């Protein structure tokens, strides 16, 4: 069942009517009046219910009026497009390298946990280094 109630704009809104039954853009006068009421400290949820819009729409209207709204993407020059593509490619490569580093750090930790520890400080480890000759023991 569709709601076809008409609601007048808030005071000072120019008397424009809002059709709650249809989704779409609200008249500029309604948006401006709503933002003005928000600035005065009106309860945003109650205002949204009164106008029949989502609360986030009110914040969006405010941001657009203050110049903080999402700007439409403008045409980029070929150089900017090339640079954006290169940046995206480098960011992906950096992400892969970060994953590799994390993998090798975890692998090294596992290896160090499994490696037997020498009980004496500074003692010779139980495994010899790869490719090295064993040290000659002290002669008496």
N, C-alpha and C. Protein backbone atom coordinates (compact mmCIF):
# COMPACT_ATOMS: atom_id res chain seq x y z
N UNK A 1 0.83 -1.17 0.00
CA UNK A 1 0.00 0.00 0.00
C UNK A 1 0.88 1.23 0.00
N UNK A 2 0.81 2.05 -1.04
CA UNK A 2 1.67 3.22 -1.18
C UNK A 2 1.15 4.36 -0.32
N UNK A 3 2.08 5.10 0.23
CA UNK A 3 1.73 6.28 1.01
C UNK A 3 1.67 7.46 0.07
N UNK A 4 0.56 8.12 0.00
CA UNK A 4 0.42 9.28 -0.87
C UNK A 4 0.10 10.53 -0.07
N UNK A 5 0.58 10.58 1.15
CA UNK A 5 0.34 11.75 1.96
C UNK A 5 1.25 12.88 1.50
N UNK A 6 0.70 14.06 1.48
CA UNK A 6 1.50 15.23 1.12
C UNK A 6 1.82 15.98 2.40
N UNK A 7 3.06 16.44 2.50
CA UNK A 7 3.49 17.15 3.69
C UNK A 7 4.05 18.48 3.24
N UNK A 8 3.66 19.54 3.93
CA UNK A 8 4.19 20.85 3.57
C UNK A 8 5.61 20.97 4.08
N UNK A 9 6.38 21.79 3.40
CA UNK A 9 7.78 22.02 3.79
C UNK A 9 7.81 22.72 5.13
N UNK A 10 8.90 22.60 5.85
CA UNK A 10 9.03 23.27 7.14
C UNK A 10 8.88 24.78 6.98
N UNK A 11 8.62 25.44 8.10
CA UNK A 11 8.42 26.89 8.08
C UNK A 11 9.58 27.56 7.38
N UNK A 12 9.26 28.51 6.53
CA UNK A 12 10.30 29.22 5.79
C UNK A 12 10.74 28.48 4.56
N UNK A 13 10.10 27.38 4.23
CA UNK A 13 10.52 26.57 3.09
C UNK A 13 9.84 26.96 1.81
N UNK A 14 9.06 28.04 1.80
CA UNK A 14 8.44 28.49 0.58
C UNK A 14 7.13 27.80 0.29
N UNK A 15 6.63 26.97 1.20
CA UNK A 15 5.35 26.35 1.02
C UNK A 15 5.34 25.21 0.02
N UNK A 16 6.49 24.69 -0.38
CA UNK A 16 6.55 23.58 -1.34
C UNK A 16 6.03 22.32 -0.67
N UNK A 17 5.40 21.48 -1.45
CA UNK A 17 4.89 20.23 -0.91
C UNK A 17 5.81 19.09 -1.30
N UNK A 18 5.85 18.07 -0.45
CA UNK A 18 6.68 16.91 -0.69
C UNK A 18 5.77 15.71 -0.80
N UNK A 19 5.89 14.94 -1.86
CA UNK A 19 5.09 13.73 -2.03
C UNK A 19 5.88 12.57 -1.44
N UNK A 20 5.37 12.03 -0.32
CA UNK A 20 6.08 10.93 0.32
C UNK A 20 5.94 9.63 -0.45
N UNK A 21 4.99 9.52 -1.30
CA UNK A 21 4.75 8.27 -2.01
C UNK A 21 5.74 8.02 -3.13
N UNK A 22 6.37 9.04 -3.61
CA UNK A 22 7.31 8.88 -4.72
C UNK A 22 8.72 9.16 -4.22
N UNK A 23 9.63 8.31 -4.63
CA UNK A 23 11.02 8.56 -4.28
C UNK A 23 11.59 9.52 -5.31
N UNK A 24 12.50 10.32 -4.90
CA UNK A 24 13.13 11.23 -5.84
C UNK A 24 13.69 12.43 -5.12
N UNK A 25 13.99 13.41 -5.89
CA UNK A 25 14.62 14.61 -5.34
C UNK A 25 13.61 15.49 -4.63
N UNK A 26 14.04 16.04 -3.52
CA UNK A 26 13.22 17.00 -2.81
C UNK A 26 13.50 18.38 -3.41
N UNK A 27 12.53 19.28 -3.37
CA UNK A 27 12.78 20.63 -3.87
C UNK A 27 13.92 21.28 -3.10
N UNK A 28 14.63 22.17 -3.76
CA UNK A 28 15.78 22.84 -3.13
C UNK A 28 15.35 23.59 -1.88
N UNK A 29 14.16 24.17 -1.91
CA UNK A 29 13.70 24.93 -0.74
C UNK A 29 13.54 24.02 0.47
N UNK A 30 13.08 22.79 0.26
CA UNK A 30 12.92 21.83 1.35
C UNK A 30 14.28 21.43 1.88
N UNK A 31 15.22 21.16 0.98
CA UNK A 31 16.58 20.77 1.41
C UNK A 31 17.23 21.89 2.21
N UNK A 32 17.11 23.13 1.72
CA UNK A 32 17.73 24.27 2.42
C UNK A 32 17.10 24.47 3.79
N UNK A 33 15.78 24.35 3.86
CA UNK A 33 15.09 24.52 5.14
C UNK A 33 15.51 23.43 6.12
N UNK A 34 15.65 22.21 5.63
CA UNK A 34 16.06 21.10 6.49
C UNK A 34 17.46 21.32 7.02
N UNK A 35 18.37 21.77 6.17
CA UNK A 35 19.75 22.02 6.60
C UNK A 35 19.77 23.15 7.62
N UNK A 36 18.95 24.18 7.41
CA UNK A 36 18.88 25.29 8.35
C UNK A 36 18.40 24.79 9.71
N UNK A 37 17.39 23.92 9.71
CA UNK A 37 16.88 23.38 10.98
C UNK A 37 17.92 22.50 11.66
N UNK A 38 18.69 21.76 10.88
CA UNK A 38 19.76 20.94 11.46
C UNK A 38 20.78 21.84 12.15
N UNK A 39 21.13 22.96 11.50
CA UNK A 39 22.12 23.89 12.07
C UNK A 39 21.61 24.51 13.36
N UNK A 40 20.29 24.65 13.48
CA UNK A 40 19.69 25.21 14.70
C UNK A 40 19.62 24.19 15.83
N UNK A 41 19.95 22.93 15.54
CA UNK A 41 19.99 21.91 16.58
C UNK A 41 18.77 21.03 16.62
N UNK A 42 18.00 21.01 15.57
CA UNK A 42 16.80 20.17 15.50
C UNK A 42 17.21 18.70 15.54
N UNK A 43 16.36 17.85 16.10
CA UNK A 43 16.61 16.41 16.14
C UNK A 43 16.57 15.87 14.71
N UNK A 44 17.68 15.34 14.25
CA UNK A 44 17.82 14.92 12.86
C UNK A 44 16.90 13.75 12.54
N UNK A 45 16.78 12.80 13.45
CA UNK A 45 15.91 11.65 13.20
C UNK A 45 14.46 12.08 13.07
N UNK A 46 14.03 12.97 13.95
CA UNK A 46 12.65 13.46 13.89
C UNK A 46 12.41 14.25 12.60
N UNK A 47 13.38 15.05 12.21
CA UNK A 47 13.27 15.82 10.97
C UNK A 47 13.18 14.89 9.76
N UNK A 48 13.97 13.83 9.77
CA UNK A 48 13.95 12.87 8.67
C UNK A 48 12.58 12.20 8.58
N UNK A 49 12.03 11.81 9.73
CA UNK A 49 10.69 11.20 9.74
C UNK A 49 9.65 12.19 9.22
N UNK A 50 9.77 13.43 9.64
CA UNK A 50 8.81 14.47 9.23
C UNK A 50 8.83 14.67 7.71
N UNK A 51 10.01 14.63 7.13
CA UNK A 51 10.13 14.85 5.68
C UNK A 51 9.97 13.57 4.88
N UNK A 52 10.03 12.44 5.54
CA UNK A 52 9.88 11.17 4.84
C UNK A 52 11.12 10.78 4.06
N UNK A 53 12.28 11.16 4.59
CA UNK A 53 13.55 10.82 3.93
C UNK A 53 14.42 10.09 4.93
N UNK A 54 15.47 9.47 4.44
CA UNK A 54 16.42 8.80 5.32
C UNK A 54 17.29 9.85 5.99
N UNK A 55 17.67 9.57 7.21
CA UNK A 55 18.50 10.50 7.98
C UNK A 55 19.80 10.84 7.26
N UNK A 56 20.40 9.85 6.58
CA UNK A 56 21.66 10.10 5.87
C UNK A 56 21.48 11.12 4.74
N UNK A 57 20.26 11.18 4.19
CA UNK A 57 19.99 12.17 3.14
C UNK A 57 20.16 13.58 3.68
N UNK A 58 19.74 13.80 4.91
CA UNK A 58 19.88 15.12 5.52
C UNK A 58 21.35 15.50 5.65
N UNK A 59 22.16 14.56 6.10
CA UNK A 59 23.59 14.84 6.22
C UNK A 59 24.22 15.09 4.85
N UNK A 60 23.76 14.35 3.86
CA UNK A 60 24.27 14.55 2.50
C UNK A 60 23.91 15.95 2.01
N UNK A 61 22.66 16.37 2.23
CA UNK A 61 22.24 17.71 1.81
C UNK A 61 23.10 18.77 2.48
N UNK A 62 23.36 18.58 3.79
CA UNK A 62 24.20 19.54 4.52
C UNK A 62 25.59 19.61 3.92
N UNK A 63 26.19 18.44 3.64
CA UNK A 63 27.54 18.41 3.09
C UNK A 63 27.60 19.08 1.72
N UNK A 64 26.59 18.85 0.90
CA UNK A 64 26.56 19.47 -0.43
C UNK A 64 26.47 20.99 -0.30
N UNK A 65 25.62 21.46 0.60
CA UNK A 65 25.47 22.91 0.79
C UNK A 65 26.76 23.53 1.29
N UNK A 66 27.50 22.80 2.11
CA UNK A 66 28.75 23.34 2.66
C UNK A 66 29.93 23.11 1.73
N UNK A 67 29.68 22.49 0.59
CA UNK A 67 30.75 22.28 -0.38
C UNK A 67 31.61 21.07 -0.08
N UNK A 68 31.16 20.22 0.84
CA UNK A 68 31.94 19.04 1.18
C UNK A 68 31.38 17.79 0.52
N UNK A 69 30.37 17.94 -0.30
CA UNK A 69 29.74 16.79 -0.94
C UNK A 69 30.68 16.13 -1.93
N UNK A 70 30.30 14.92 -2.32
CA UNK A 70 31.10 14.17 -3.27
C UNK A 70 31.07 14.90 -4.62
N UNK A 71 32.23 15.19 -5.15
CA UNK A 71 32.32 15.88 -6.43
C UNK A 71 32.27 14.88 -7.56
N UNK A 72 31.66 15.27 -8.64
CA UNK A 72 31.65 14.40 -9.81
C UNK A 72 33.05 14.34 -10.38
N UNK A 73 33.40 13.18 -10.87
CA UNK A 73 34.74 12.98 -11.41
C UNK A 73 34.88 13.77 -12.71
N UNK A 74 35.92 14.55 -12.78
CA UNK A 74 36.17 15.35 -13.98
C UNK A 74 37.03 14.55 -14.94
N UNK A 75 37.06 15.00 -16.15
CA UNK A 75 37.89 14.34 -17.16
C UNK A 75 39.36 14.42 -16.74
N UNK A 76 40.05 13.30 -16.84
CA UNK A 76 41.46 13.27 -16.52
C UNK A 76 42.26 13.33 -17.81
N UNK A 77 43.40 13.97 -17.74
CA UNK A 77 44.26 14.01 -18.91
C UNK A 77 44.88 12.63 -19.11
N UNK A 78 45.36 12.34 -20.30
CA UNK A 78 46.00 11.03 -20.53
C UNK A 78 47.16 10.78 -19.57
N UNK A 79 47.91 11.82 -19.23
CA UNK A 79 49.03 11.66 -18.31
C UNK A 79 48.52 11.24 -16.93
N UNK A 80 47.42 11.88 -16.47
CA UNK A 80 46.85 11.53 -15.17
C UNK A 80 46.31 10.11 -15.17
N UNK A 81 45.71 9.69 -16.28
CA UNK A 81 45.20 8.32 -16.40
C UNK A 81 46.35 7.33 -16.33
N UNK A 82 47.44 7.64 -17.04
CA UNK A 82 48.62 6.76 -17.02
C UNK A 82 49.19 6.66 -15.62
N UNK A 83 49.29 7.81 -14.95
CA UNK A 83 49.84 7.82 -13.59
C UNK A 83 48.93 7.05 -12.63
N UNK A 84 47.62 7.21 -12.77
CA UNK A 84 46.68 6.49 -11.90
C UNK A 84 46.80 4.99 -12.11
N UNK A 85 46.95 4.57 -13.37
CA UNK A 85 47.12 3.15 -13.68
C UNK A 85 48.41 2.63 -13.06
N UNK A 86 49.48 3.41 -13.20
CA UNK A 86 50.78 3.00 -12.65
C UNK A 86 50.72 2.92 -11.12
N UNK A 87 50.06 3.87 -10.49
CA UNK A 87 49.93 3.86 -9.03
C UNK A 87 49.18 2.61 -8.58
N UNK A 88 48.08 2.30 -9.27
CA UNK A 88 47.30 1.11 -8.91
C UNK A 88 48.14 -0.15 -9.06
N UNK A 89 48.93 -0.22 -10.13
CA UNK A 89 49.80 -1.38 -10.36
C UNK A 89 50.84 -1.51 -9.25
N UNK A 90 51.45 -0.39 -8.87
CA UNK A 90 52.45 -0.41 -7.80
C UNK A 90 51.84 -0.77 -6.45
N UNK A 91 50.61 -0.29 -6.19
CA UNK A 91 49.94 -0.63 -4.93
C UNK A 91 49.66 -2.13 -4.86
N UNK A 92 49.26 -2.73 -5.98
CA UNK A 92 49.03 -4.18 -5.99
C UNK A 92 50.34 -4.92 -5.74
N UNK A 93 51.42 -4.48 -6.39
CA UNK A 93 52.72 -5.13 -6.19
C UNK A 93 53.17 -5.01 -4.73
N UNK A 94 52.96 -3.84 -4.14
CA UNK A 94 53.32 -3.64 -2.74
C UNK A 94 52.52 -4.57 -1.84
N UNK A 95 51.25 -4.74 -2.14
CA UNK A 95 50.42 -5.65 -1.36
C UNK A 95 50.93 -7.08 -1.44
N UNK A 96 51.31 -7.51 -2.66
CA UNK A 96 51.85 -8.88 -2.81
C UNK A 96 53.15 -9.03 -2.03
N UNK A 97 54.03 -8.04 -2.09
CA UNK A 97 55.31 -8.11 -1.38
C UNK A 97 55.08 -8.14 0.13
N UNK A 98 54.10 -7.40 0.61
CA UNK A 98 53.79 -7.42 2.04
C UNK A 98 53.33 -8.81 2.48
N UNK A 99 52.52 -9.45 1.64
CA UNK A 99 52.08 -10.82 1.95
C UNK A 99 53.27 -11.77 1.98
N UNK A 100 54.19 -11.61 1.03
CA UNK A 100 55.38 -12.47 1.02
C UNK A 100 56.21 -12.27 2.28
N UNK A 101 56.42 -11.03 2.69
CA UNK A 101 57.21 -10.76 3.89
C UNK A 101 56.54 -11.40 5.10
N UNK A 102 55.23 -11.24 5.22
CA UNK A 102 54.50 -11.86 6.34
C UNK A 102 54.68 -13.38 6.34
N UNK A 103 54.61 -13.99 5.16
CA UNK A 103 54.78 -15.43 5.05
C UNK A 103 56.16 -15.84 5.55
N UNK A 104 57.21 -15.14 5.08
CA UNK A 104 58.56 -15.52 5.46
C UNK A 104 58.85 -15.24 6.93
N UNK A 105 58.28 -14.21 7.50
CA UNK A 105 58.46 -13.93 8.92
C UNK A 105 57.86 -15.06 9.75
N UNK A 106 56.65 -15.50 9.38
CA UNK A 106 56.02 -16.62 10.11
C UNK A 106 56.82 -17.90 9.95
N UNK A 107 57.34 -18.16 8.74
CA UNK A 107 58.13 -19.38 8.50
C UNK A 107 59.41 -19.34 9.34
N UNK A 108 60.06 -18.19 9.40
CA UNK A 108 61.29 -18.06 10.20
C UNK A 108 60.99 -18.29 11.67
N UNK A 109 59.88 -17.77 12.16
CA UNK A 109 59.51 -18.00 13.57
C UNK A 109 59.32 -19.48 13.86
N UNK A 110 58.65 -20.17 12.94
CA UNK A 110 58.44 -21.61 13.14
C UNK A 110 59.76 -22.36 13.18
N UNK A 111 60.66 -21.99 12.29
CA UNK A 111 61.97 -22.65 12.25
C UNK A 111 62.72 -22.38 13.54
N UNK A 112 62.71 -21.14 14.00
CA UNK A 112 63.43 -20.80 15.24
C UNK A 112 62.83 -21.51 16.44
N UNK A 113 61.51 -21.73 16.45
CA UNK A 113 60.87 -22.44 17.55
C UNK A 113 61.27 -23.91 17.59
N UNK A 114 61.47 -24.50 16.44
CA UNK A 114 61.82 -25.92 16.37
C UNK A 114 63.31 -26.16 16.58
N UNK A 115 64.15 -25.17 16.37
CA UNK A 115 65.59 -25.33 16.49
C UNK A 115 65.97 -25.54 17.95
N UNK A 116 66.79 -26.55 18.23
CA UNK A 116 67.19 -26.80 19.63
C UNK A 116 68.05 -25.64 20.15
N UNK A 117 67.85 -25.32 21.38
CA UNK A 117 68.58 -24.22 22.01
C UNK A 117 69.78 -24.79 22.78
N UNK A 118 70.86 -24.06 22.75
CA UNK A 118 72.03 -24.44 23.52
C UNK A 118 71.79 -24.06 24.98
N UNK A 119 72.13 -24.94 25.90
CA UNK A 119 71.89 -24.66 27.30
C UNK A 119 72.92 -23.69 27.86
N UNK A 120 74.12 -23.74 27.36
CA UNK A 120 75.17 -22.85 27.84
C UNK A 120 75.20 -21.61 26.95
N UNK A 121 75.36 -20.47 27.58
CA UNK A 121 75.41 -19.24 26.83
C UNK A 121 76.70 -19.21 26.01
N UNK A 122 76.58 -18.93 24.75
CA UNK A 122 77.75 -18.84 23.89
C UNK A 122 78.26 -20.19 23.44
N UNK A 123 77.57 -21.27 23.80
CA UNK A 123 78.01 -22.59 23.41
C UNK A 123 77.76 -22.85 21.94
N UNK A 124 78.40 -23.89 21.43
CA UNK A 124 78.23 -24.24 20.04
C UNK A 124 76.86 -24.88 19.87
N UNK A 125 76.13 -24.45 18.85
CA UNK A 125 74.81 -24.98 18.58
C UNK A 125 74.93 -26.44 18.18
N UNK A 126 73.84 -27.18 18.29
CA UNK A 126 73.87 -28.60 17.99
C UNK A 126 73.97 -28.87 16.49
N UNK A 127 73.68 -27.90 15.71
CA UNK A 127 73.81 -28.07 14.26
C UNK A 127 74.89 -27.14 13.75
N UNK A 128 75.70 -27.63 12.87
CA UNK A 128 76.78 -26.82 12.32
C UNK A 128 76.22 -25.96 11.20
N UNK A 129 76.89 -24.86 10.96
CA UNK A 129 76.49 -23.99 9.87
C UNK A 129 76.76 -24.68 8.55
N UNK A 130 75.95 -24.40 7.60
CA UNK A 130 76.09 -24.99 6.29
C UNK A 130 77.37 -24.50 5.63
N UNK A 131 78.19 -25.43 5.16
CA UNK A 131 79.39 -25.07 4.41
C UNK A 131 80.56 -24.63 5.26
N UNK A 132 80.49 -24.73 6.58
CA UNK A 132 81.62 -24.31 7.41
C UNK A 132 82.30 -25.52 8.02
N UNK A 133 83.56 -25.35 8.29
CA UNK A 133 84.34 -26.43 8.90
C UNK A 133 84.15 -26.34 10.41
N UNK A 134 84.10 -27.48 11.09
CA UNK A 134 83.99 -27.44 12.54
C UNK A 134 85.24 -26.80 13.14
N UNK A 135 85.08 -26.07 14.23
CA UNK A 135 86.22 -25.40 14.88
C UNK A 135 87.08 -26.45 15.56
N UNK A 136 88.36 -26.17 15.50
CA UNK A 136 89.30 -27.08 16.18
C UNK A 136 89.16 -26.87 17.68
N UNK A 137 89.11 -27.98 18.42
CA UNK A 137 88.95 -27.89 19.84
C UNK A 137 90.28 -27.52 20.47
N UNK A 138 90.22 -26.86 21.59
CA UNK A 138 91.44 -26.41 22.29
C UNK A 138 92.29 -27.61 22.68
N UNK A 139 93.62 -27.50 22.43
CA UNK A 139 94.54 -28.61 22.76
C UNK A 139 95.12 -28.37 24.13
N UNK A 140 95.28 -29.43 24.86
CA UNK A 140 95.88 -29.34 26.21
C UNK A 140 97.31 -29.68 26.18
